C-alpha atoms as a PDB file:
ATOM      1  CA  UNK A   1     -16.859  10.849  -4.168  1.00  0.00           C
ATOM      2  CA  UNK A   2     -15.056   8.493  -6.950  1.00  0.00           C
ATOM      3  CA  UNK A   3     -17.274   5.871  -8.127  1.00  0.00           C
ATOM      4  CA  UNK A   4     -15.338   4.347 -10.458  1.00  0.00           C
ATOM      5  CA  UNK A   5     -13.698   2.101  -8.937  1.00  0.00           C
ATOM      6  CA  UNK A   6     -15.435  -1.062  -7.805  1.00  0.00           C
ATOM      7  CA  UNK A   7     -13.813  -1.758  -4.227  1.00  0.00           C
ATOM      8  CA  UNK A   8     -11.502  -0.045  -2.304  1.00  0.00           C
ATOM      9  CA  UNK A   9      -7.247  -0.639  -2.764  1.00  0.00           C
ATOM     10  CA  UNK A  10      -6.492  -2.104   1.024  1.00  0.00           C
ATOM     11  CA  UNK A  11      -3.169  -1.619   1.627  1.00  0.00           C
ATOM     12  CA  UNK A  12      -1.576  -3.381   4.861  1.00  0.00           C
ATOM     13  CA  UNK A  13       2.200  -1.889   5.608  1.00  0.00           C
ATOM     14  CA  UNK A  14       3.676  -4.208   8.511  1.00  0.00           C
ATOM     15  CA  UNK A  15       5.050  -2.648  11.004  1.00  0.00           C
ATOM     16  CA  UNK A  16       6.683  -5.109  13.127  1.00  0.00           C
ATOM     17  CA  UNK A  17      10.230  -4.201  14.558  1.00  0.00           C
ATOM     18  CA  UNK A  18      12.096  -5.972  11.291  1.00  0.00           C
ATOM     19  CA  UNK A  19      10.082  -4.198   8.456  1.00  0.00           C
ATOM     20  CA  UNK A  20      10.252  -0.537  10.933  1.00  0.00           C
ATOM     21  CA  UNK A  21      13.301  -1.086  11.121  1.00  0.00           C
ATOM     22  CA  UNK A  22      14.065  -1.999   7.351  1.00  0.00           C
ATOM     23  CA  UNK A  23      11.827   1.346   6.017  1.00  0.00           C
ATOM     24  CA  UNK A  24       8.155   0.654   6.375  1.00  0.00           C
ATOM     25  CA  UNK A  25       7.601   3.768   8.798  1.00  0.00           C
ATOM     26  CA  UNK A  26       9.278   6.015   5.702  1.00  0.00           C
ATOM     27  CA  UNK A  27       6.908   4.087   3.221  1.00  0.00           C
ATOM     28  CA  UNK A  28       4.048   4.502   5.426  1.00  0.00           C
ATOM     29  CA  UNK A  29       4.864   7.904   5.319  1.00  0.00           C
ATOM     30  CA  UNK A  30       5.169   8.409   1.926  1.00  0.00           C
ATOM     31  CA  UNK A  31       2.052   6.852   0.997  1.00  0.00           C
ATOM     32  CA  UNK A  32      -0.145   8.691   3.192  1.00  0.00           C
ATOM     33  CA  UNK A  33       0.703  11.871   1.550  1.00  0.00           C
ATOM     34  CA  UNK A  34       0.737  10.638  -1.695  1.00  0.00           C
ATOM     35  CA  UNK A  35      -2.899   9.606  -1.106  1.00  0.00           C
ATOM     36  CA  UNK A  36      -3.515  12.397   0.342  1.00  0.00           C
ATOM     37  CA  UNK A  37      -2.103  14.618  -2.060  1.00  0.00           C
ATOM     38  CA  UNK A  38      -4.192  12.797  -4.961  1.00  0.00           C
ATOM     39  CA  UNK A  39      -7.503  12.660  -3.493  1.00  0.00           C
ATOM     40  CA  UNK A  40      -6.931   9.194  -3.272  1.00  0.00           C
ATOM     41  CA  UNK A  41      -8.828   8.921   0.059  1.00  0.00           C
ATOM     42  CA  UNK A  42     -12.038   7.476  -0.850  1.00  0.00           C
ATOM     43  CA  UNK A  43     -10.234   4.854  -2.710  1.00  0.00           C
ATOM     44  CA  UNK A  44      -7.061   3.580  -1.400  1.00  0.00           C
ATOM     45  CA  UNK A  45      -7.457   1.942   2.465  1.00  0.00           C
ATOM     46  CA  UNK A  46      -4.054   2.090   4.348  1.00  0.00           C
ATOM     47  CA  UNK A  47      -3.852   0.072   7.353  1.00  0.00           C
ATOM     48  CA  UNK A  48      -1.034  -1.583   9.173  1.00  0.00           C
ATOM     49  CA  UNK A  49      -0.044  -4.871  11.228  1.00  0.00           C
ATOM     50  CA  UNK A  50       2.409  -6.136  13.587  1.00  0.00           C
ATOM     51  CA  UNK A  51       4.035  -8.750  11.953  1.00  0.00           C
ATOM     52  CA  UNK A  52       2.996 -10.757   8.789  1.00  0.00           C
ATOM     53  CA  UNK A  53       5.672 -13.195   9.256  1.00  0.00           C
ATOM     54  CA  UNK A  54       7.991 -13.040   6.590  1.00  0.00           C
ATOM     55  CA  UNK A  55      10.401 -10.740   8.312  1.00  0.00           C
ATOM     56  CA  UNK A  56      13.494 -11.444   6.310  1.00  0.00           C
ATOM     57  CA  UNK A  57      11.433 -10.053   3.176  1.00  0.00           C
ATOM     58  CA  UNK A  58      10.204  -7.103   4.905  1.00  0.00           C
ATOM     59  CA  UNK A  59       8.851  -4.824   4.197  1.00  0.00           C
ATOM     60  CA  UNK A  60       5.966  -6.427   3.633  1.00  0.00           C
ATOM     61  CA  UNK A  61       2.888  -5.172   2.156  1.00  0.00           C
ATOM     62  CA  UNK A  62       0.110  -6.928   1.305  1.00  0.00           C
ATOM     63  CA  UNK A  63      -2.130  -4.979  -1.065  1.00  0.00           C
ATOM     64  CA  UNK A  64      -5.714  -6.437  -2.407  1.00  0.00           C
ATOM     65  CA  UNK A  65      -4.468  -9.921  -0.579  1.00  0.00           C
ATOM     66  CA  UNK A  66      -1.631  -9.914  -2.635  1.00  0.00           C
ATOM     67  CA  UNK A  67       2.185 -10.006  -0.888  1.00  0.00           C
ATOM     68  CA  UNK A  68       4.927  -7.799  -2.102  1.00  0.00           C
ATOM     69  CA  UNK A  69       7.884  -8.104  -0.179  1.00  0.00           C
ATOM     70  CA  UNK A  70      11.535  -5.892   0.085  1.00  0.00           C
ATOM     71  CA  UNK A  71       9.062  -2.716  -0.368  1.00  0.00           C
ATOM     72  CA  UNK A  72      10.568   0.879  -0.943  1.00  0.00           C
ATOM     73  CA  UNK A  73       8.918   3.813  -0.532  1.00  0.00           C
ATOM     74  CA  UNK A  74       9.257   4.375  -4.860  1.00  0.00           C
ATOM     75  CA  UNK A  75       8.139   1.055  -4.753  1.00  0.00           C
ATOM     76  CA  UNK A  76       4.736   1.392  -2.980  1.00  0.00           C
ATOM     77  CA  UNK A  77       4.138   4.343  -4.929  1.00  0.00           C
ATOM     78  CA  UNK A  78       4.661   2.709  -8.041  1.00  0.00           C
ATOM     79  CA  UNK A  79       2.450  -0.705  -6.757  1.00  0.00           C
ATOM     80  CA  UNK A  80      -0.751   1.478  -5.569  1.00  0.00           C
ATOM     81  CA  UNK A  81      -0.458   3.478  -9.143  1.00  0.00           C
ATOM     82  CA  UNK A  82      -0.645   0.244 -10.405  1.00  0.00           C
ATOM     83  CA  UNK A  83      -4.118  -0.720  -8.715  1.00  0.00           C
ATOM     84  CA  UNK A  84      -5.671   2.161  -8.814  1.00  0.00           C
ATOM     85  CA  UNK A  85      -4.679   1.598 -12.932  1.00  0.00           C
ATOM     86  CA  UNK A  86      -5.456  -1.712 -12.344  1.00  0.00           C
ATOM     87  CA  UNK A  87      -8.725  -1.293 -11.482  1.00  0.00           C
ATOM     88  CA  UNK A  88     -10.087   2.050 -13.545  1.00  0.00           C
ATOM     89  CA  UNK A  89      -9.711  -0.086 -16.377  1.00  0.00           C
ATOM     90  CA  UNK A  90     -11.679  -3.175 -15.043  1.00  0.00           C
ATOM     91  CA  UNK A  91     -14.178  -0.752 -14.131  1.00  0.00           C
ATOM     92  CA  UNK A  92     -14.434   1.512 -17.409  1.00  0.00           C
END
């Protein structure tokens, strides 16, 4: 168990029809694999939503209440890495 993080990193991926058709399903799959392969299950909390109301900017992701738009799988992994490292620095 990793106790160095003050709280979980909450990742909410929009799975509404517009974001879904723009690749949010693939981003979700890649993120789930990344979290599993890097033993981040205790740190990263992944959820989905049906619509974030910004369909034209999708796929949309909210990480710790910060909205990110036009997410690709690679960008999502980079964002999660950023938040993990940000939490490491904040707690260390």
